[in-house]
Amino acid sequence: MAQKATIYKVELSVCDMDRHYYETHKLTVAKHPSETDERLMVRMLAFALNAHENLELTKGLSTDVEPDIWRRSLSGELELWVALGLPSEKVVRQSCGKADKVIVYCYGGRTAEMWWEKIKNSTTRFENLQVVNLSDTNTGELAKLVSRALKLQVNVQDGEAMVSVDERIVYITPVKWKNAVH
């Protein structure tokens, strides 16, 4: 019998001083049986860092043809494609052809560094691609914040994020390995 997704209710309050975005999102998040707490929290962080009224969580791990998060324009064009982890060069190429902007949030320490060394030269032609690395120390700390009913506060200033749940706080310093040209 196949395992079912675990449902999380997330109240995500975003205070992004860099983009002047201040909003609370009430999200119902399905955690795939193979998804770790770390990946779930990276997904919440990525959502917060790109928060927008049209931003949506997708089926994620359940499908290969959708990113983890996306934003479509009112007329249906794919404006933003957000992928997590270490996608293949082929997936990166296809994503860059489908969306105006693609952001890959990679994590995993040395594994992420090896992945980037392998594909970075083949991604230079994609001006709409941004690659952001999250340290394994940061993502490991994020994983400790998980609960089924999550009230998450994310404050962003000067490119850094402070993620808090109750009195617990994790400071995140995303490192841009590749910037999109816009």
Protein backbone atom coordinates (compact mmCIF):
# COMPACT_ATOMS: atom_id res chain seq x y z
CA MET A 1 0.00 0.00 0.00
CA ALA A 2 1.40 3.39 -1.01
CA GLN A 3 2.11 5.91 1.69
CA LYS A 4 0.12 9.12 1.58
CA ALA A 5 1.42 12.64 1.88
CA THR A 6 1.43 14.22 5.33
CA ILE A 7 -0.47 17.49 5.47
CA TYR A 8 0.99 20.53 7.22
CA LYS A 9 -0.87 23.74 7.97
CA VAL A 10 1.55 26.64 7.69
CA GLU A 11 0.97 30.27 8.55
CA LEU A 12 3.91 32.00 6.87
CA SER A 13 4.45 35.65 7.75
CA VAL A 14 6.93 37.34 5.45
CA CYS A 15 8.60 40.65 6.20
CA ASP A 16 10.93 41.24 3.24
CA MET A 17 12.55 44.64 3.67
CA ASP A 18 14.66 44.16 0.53
CA ARG A 19 11.56 43.90 -1.70
CA HIS A 20 9.14 45.82 0.54
CA TYR A 21 6.84 42.81 0.76
CA TYR A 22 4.87 42.28 3.99
CA GLU A 23 2.22 39.59 3.94
CA THR A 24 0.95 36.49 5.71
CA HIS A 25 0.25 33.37 3.66
CA LYS A 26 -1.91 30.53 4.94
CA LEU A 27 -0.62 27.41 3.21
CA THR A 28 -1.68 23.79 3.17
CA VAL A 29 1.50 21.87 2.41
CA ALA A 30 1.59 18.23 1.38
CA LYS A 31 4.83 16.56 2.42
CA HIS A 32 5.63 13.71 0.03
CA PRO A 33 6.50 10.43 1.82
CA SER A 34 10.07 10.63 0.50
CA GLU A 35 10.51 14.31 1.45
CA THR A 36 12.64 15.11 4.49
CA ASP A 37 11.88 17.78 7.10
CA GLU A 38 14.93 19.63 5.79
CA ARG A 39 13.52 19.77 2.25
CA LEU A 40 10.10 20.81 3.51
CA MET A 41 11.63 23.75 5.36
CA VAL A 42 13.82 24.70 2.38
CA ARG A 43 10.58 24.80 0.37
CA MET A 44 9.02 27.15 2.96
CA LEU A 45 12.14 29.34 2.93
CA ALA A 46 12.18 29.48 -0.88
CA PHE A 47 8.49 30.43 -0.84
CA ALA A 48 9.22 33.23 1.66
CA LEU A 49 12.21 34.54 -0.30
CA ASN A 50 10.06 34.80 -3.44
CA ALA A 51 6.71 35.58 -1.80
CA HIS A 52 4.17 37.14 -4.13
CA GLU A 53 0.37 37.10 -4.31
CA ASN A 54 0.51 34.75 -7.33
CA LEU A 55 3.20 32.40 -5.98
CA GLU A 56 2.06 28.78 -5.64
CA LEU A 57 3.36 25.52 -4.26
CA THR A 58 3.08 22.79 -6.90
CA LYS A 59 2.95 19.01 -6.76
CA GLY A 60 6.74 19.13 -6.39
CA LEU A 61 8.22 15.66 -5.88
CA SER A 62 5.05 14.04 -7.22
CA THR A 63 5.79 15.15 -10.78
CA ASP A 64 8.80 15.75 -13.02
CA VAL A 65 7.16 18.41 -15.20
CA GLU A 66 6.56 21.04 -12.50
CA PRO A 67 8.93 22.91 -10.22
CA ASP A 68 8.49 22.97 -6.44
CA ILE A 69 7.12 26.53 -6.58
CA TRP A 70 6.00 28.72 -9.44
CA ARG A 71 4.43 32.05 -10.25
CA ARG A 72 2.23 32.53 -13.28
CA SER A 73 1.08 35.84 -14.69
CA LEU A 74 -2.63 36.61 -14.88
CA SER A 75 -2.53 35.55 -18.53
CA GLY A 76 -0.87 32.21 -17.69
CA GLU A 77 2.77 32.84 -18.64
CA LEU A 78 5.30 31.18 -16.35
CA GLU A 79 7.13 34.09 -14.70
CA LEU A 80 9.09 32.21 -12.02
CA TRP A 81 10.20 28.59 -11.70
CA VAL A 82 11.72 27.60 -8.33
CA ALA A 83 13.47 24.25 -8.02
CA LEU A 84 15.01 22.73 -4.89
CA GLY A 85 17.94 20.40 -4.53
CA LEU A 86 20.30 19.33 -7.29
CA PRO A 87 18.41 19.13 -10.60
CA SER A 88 20.07 17.57 -13.60
CA GLU A 89 21.54 19.73 -16.35
CA LYS A 90 18.65 18.64 -18.59
CA VAL A 91 16.03 19.77 -16.05
CA VAL A 92 17.79 23.13 -15.63
CA ARG A 93 17.91 23.62 -19.41
CA GLN A 94 14.22 22.73 -19.85
CA SER A 95 13.21 24.97 -16.93
CA CYS A 96 15.10 27.93 -18.40
CA GLY A 97 13.20 27.43 -21.66
CA LYS A 98 9.82 27.42 -19.93
CA ALA A 99 10.01 30.36 -17.49
CA ASP A 100 11.07 34.00 -17.51
CA LYS A 101 13.22 33.39 -14.42
CA VAL A 102 14.48 30.16 -12.84
CA ILE A 103 15.89 29.92 -9.32
CA VAL A 104 17.53 26.76 -8.02
CA TYR A 105 17.95 26.56 -4.25
CA CYS A 106 20.58 23.89 -3.72
CA TYR A 107 21.66 22.46 -0.40
CA GLY A 108 23.56 19.47 0.89
CA GLY A 109 27.03 20.78 1.66
CA ARG A 110 29.83 19.12 -0.30
CA THR A 111 27.34 17.25 -2.53
CA ALA A 112 25.87 20.59 -3.67
CA GLU A 113 29.37 21.95 -4.34
CA MET A 114 30.22 18.92 -6.51
CA TRP A 115 26.89 19.26 -8.38
CA TRP A 116 27.60 22.93 -9.13
CA GLU A 117 31.17 22.23 -10.30
CA LYS A 118 29.76 19.64 -12.69
CA ILE A 119 27.03 21.80 -14.30
CA LYS A 120 28.10 25.45 -13.88
CA ASN A 121 29.93 25.75 -17.20
CA SER A 122 26.92 24.45 -19.12
CA THR A 123 24.61 27.00 -17.43
CA THR A 124 26.48 30.19 -18.38
CA ARG A 125 24.25 30.71 -21.43
CA PHE A 126 21.08 30.85 -19.32
CA GLU A 127 20.67 34.51 -18.43
CA ASN A 128 17.39 33.79 -16.64
CA LEU A 129 18.99 31.29 -14.21
CA GLN A 130 19.90 32.05 -10.63
CA VAL A 131 21.54 29.43 -8.39
CA VAL A 132 21.47 29.94 -4.63
CA ASN A 133 23.27 27.70 -2.15
CA LEU A 134 22.03 27.13 1.39
CA SER A 135 24.55 25.75 3.87
CA ASP A 136 23.86 22.32 5.31
CA THR A 137 24.26 23.80 8.81
CA ASN A 138 21.45 26.30 8.09
CA THR A 139 19.12 23.76 6.49
CA GLY A 140 19.76 21.27 9.28
CA GLU A 141 18.73 23.89 11.83
CA LEU A 142 15.63 24.71 9.77
CA ALA A 143 14.58 21.05 9.85
CA LYS A 144 14.41 21.22 13.66
CA LEU A 145 11.63 23.85 13.43
CA VAL A 146 9.09 21.54 11.72
CA SER A 147 5.69 20.82 13.24
CA ARG A 148 2.33 19.89 11.68
CA ALA A 149 0.81 23.27 12.58
CA LEU A 150 3.57 25.74 11.85
CA LYS A 151 3.58 29.48 12.50
CA LEU A 152 6.63 30.62 10.64
CA GLN A 153 8.00 34.17 10.60
CA VAL A 154 10.60 35.02 7.93
CA ASN A 155 12.33 38.39 7.99
CA VAL A 156 14.56 39.27 5.04
CA GLN A 157 17.03 42.14 5.03
CA ASP A 158 20.22 42.73 3.05
CA GLY A 159 19.91 39.31 1.42
CA GLU A 160 19.84 37.43 4.72
CA ALA A 161 16.89 35.71 6.34
CA MET A 162 15.87 35.23 9.93
CA VAL A 163 13.44 32.33 10.29
CA SER A 164 11.61 31.98 13.58
CA VAL A 165 9.08 29.67 15.17
CA ASP A 166 8.08 30.68 18.68
CA GLU A 167 11.37 31.57 20.44
CA ARG A 168 13.53 29.46 18.13
CA ILE A 169 15.45 31.42 15.49
CA VAL A 170 17.60 30.29 12.57
CA TYR A 171 19.70 32.79 10.62
CA ILE A 172 20.16 31.97 6.94
CA THR A 173 22.75 33.46 4.61
CA PRO A 174 21.94 32.35 1.06
CA VAL A 175 25.00 32.41 -1.21
CA LYS A 176 24.36 33.26 -4.86
CA TRP A 177 26.49 31.04 -7.05
CA LYS A 178 24.93 32.44 -10.23
CA ASN A 179 22.88 35.58 -10.74
CA ALA A 180 20.16 35.94 -13.34
CA VAL A 181 20.72 38.83 -15.74
CA HIS A 182 17.66 41.11 -15.75
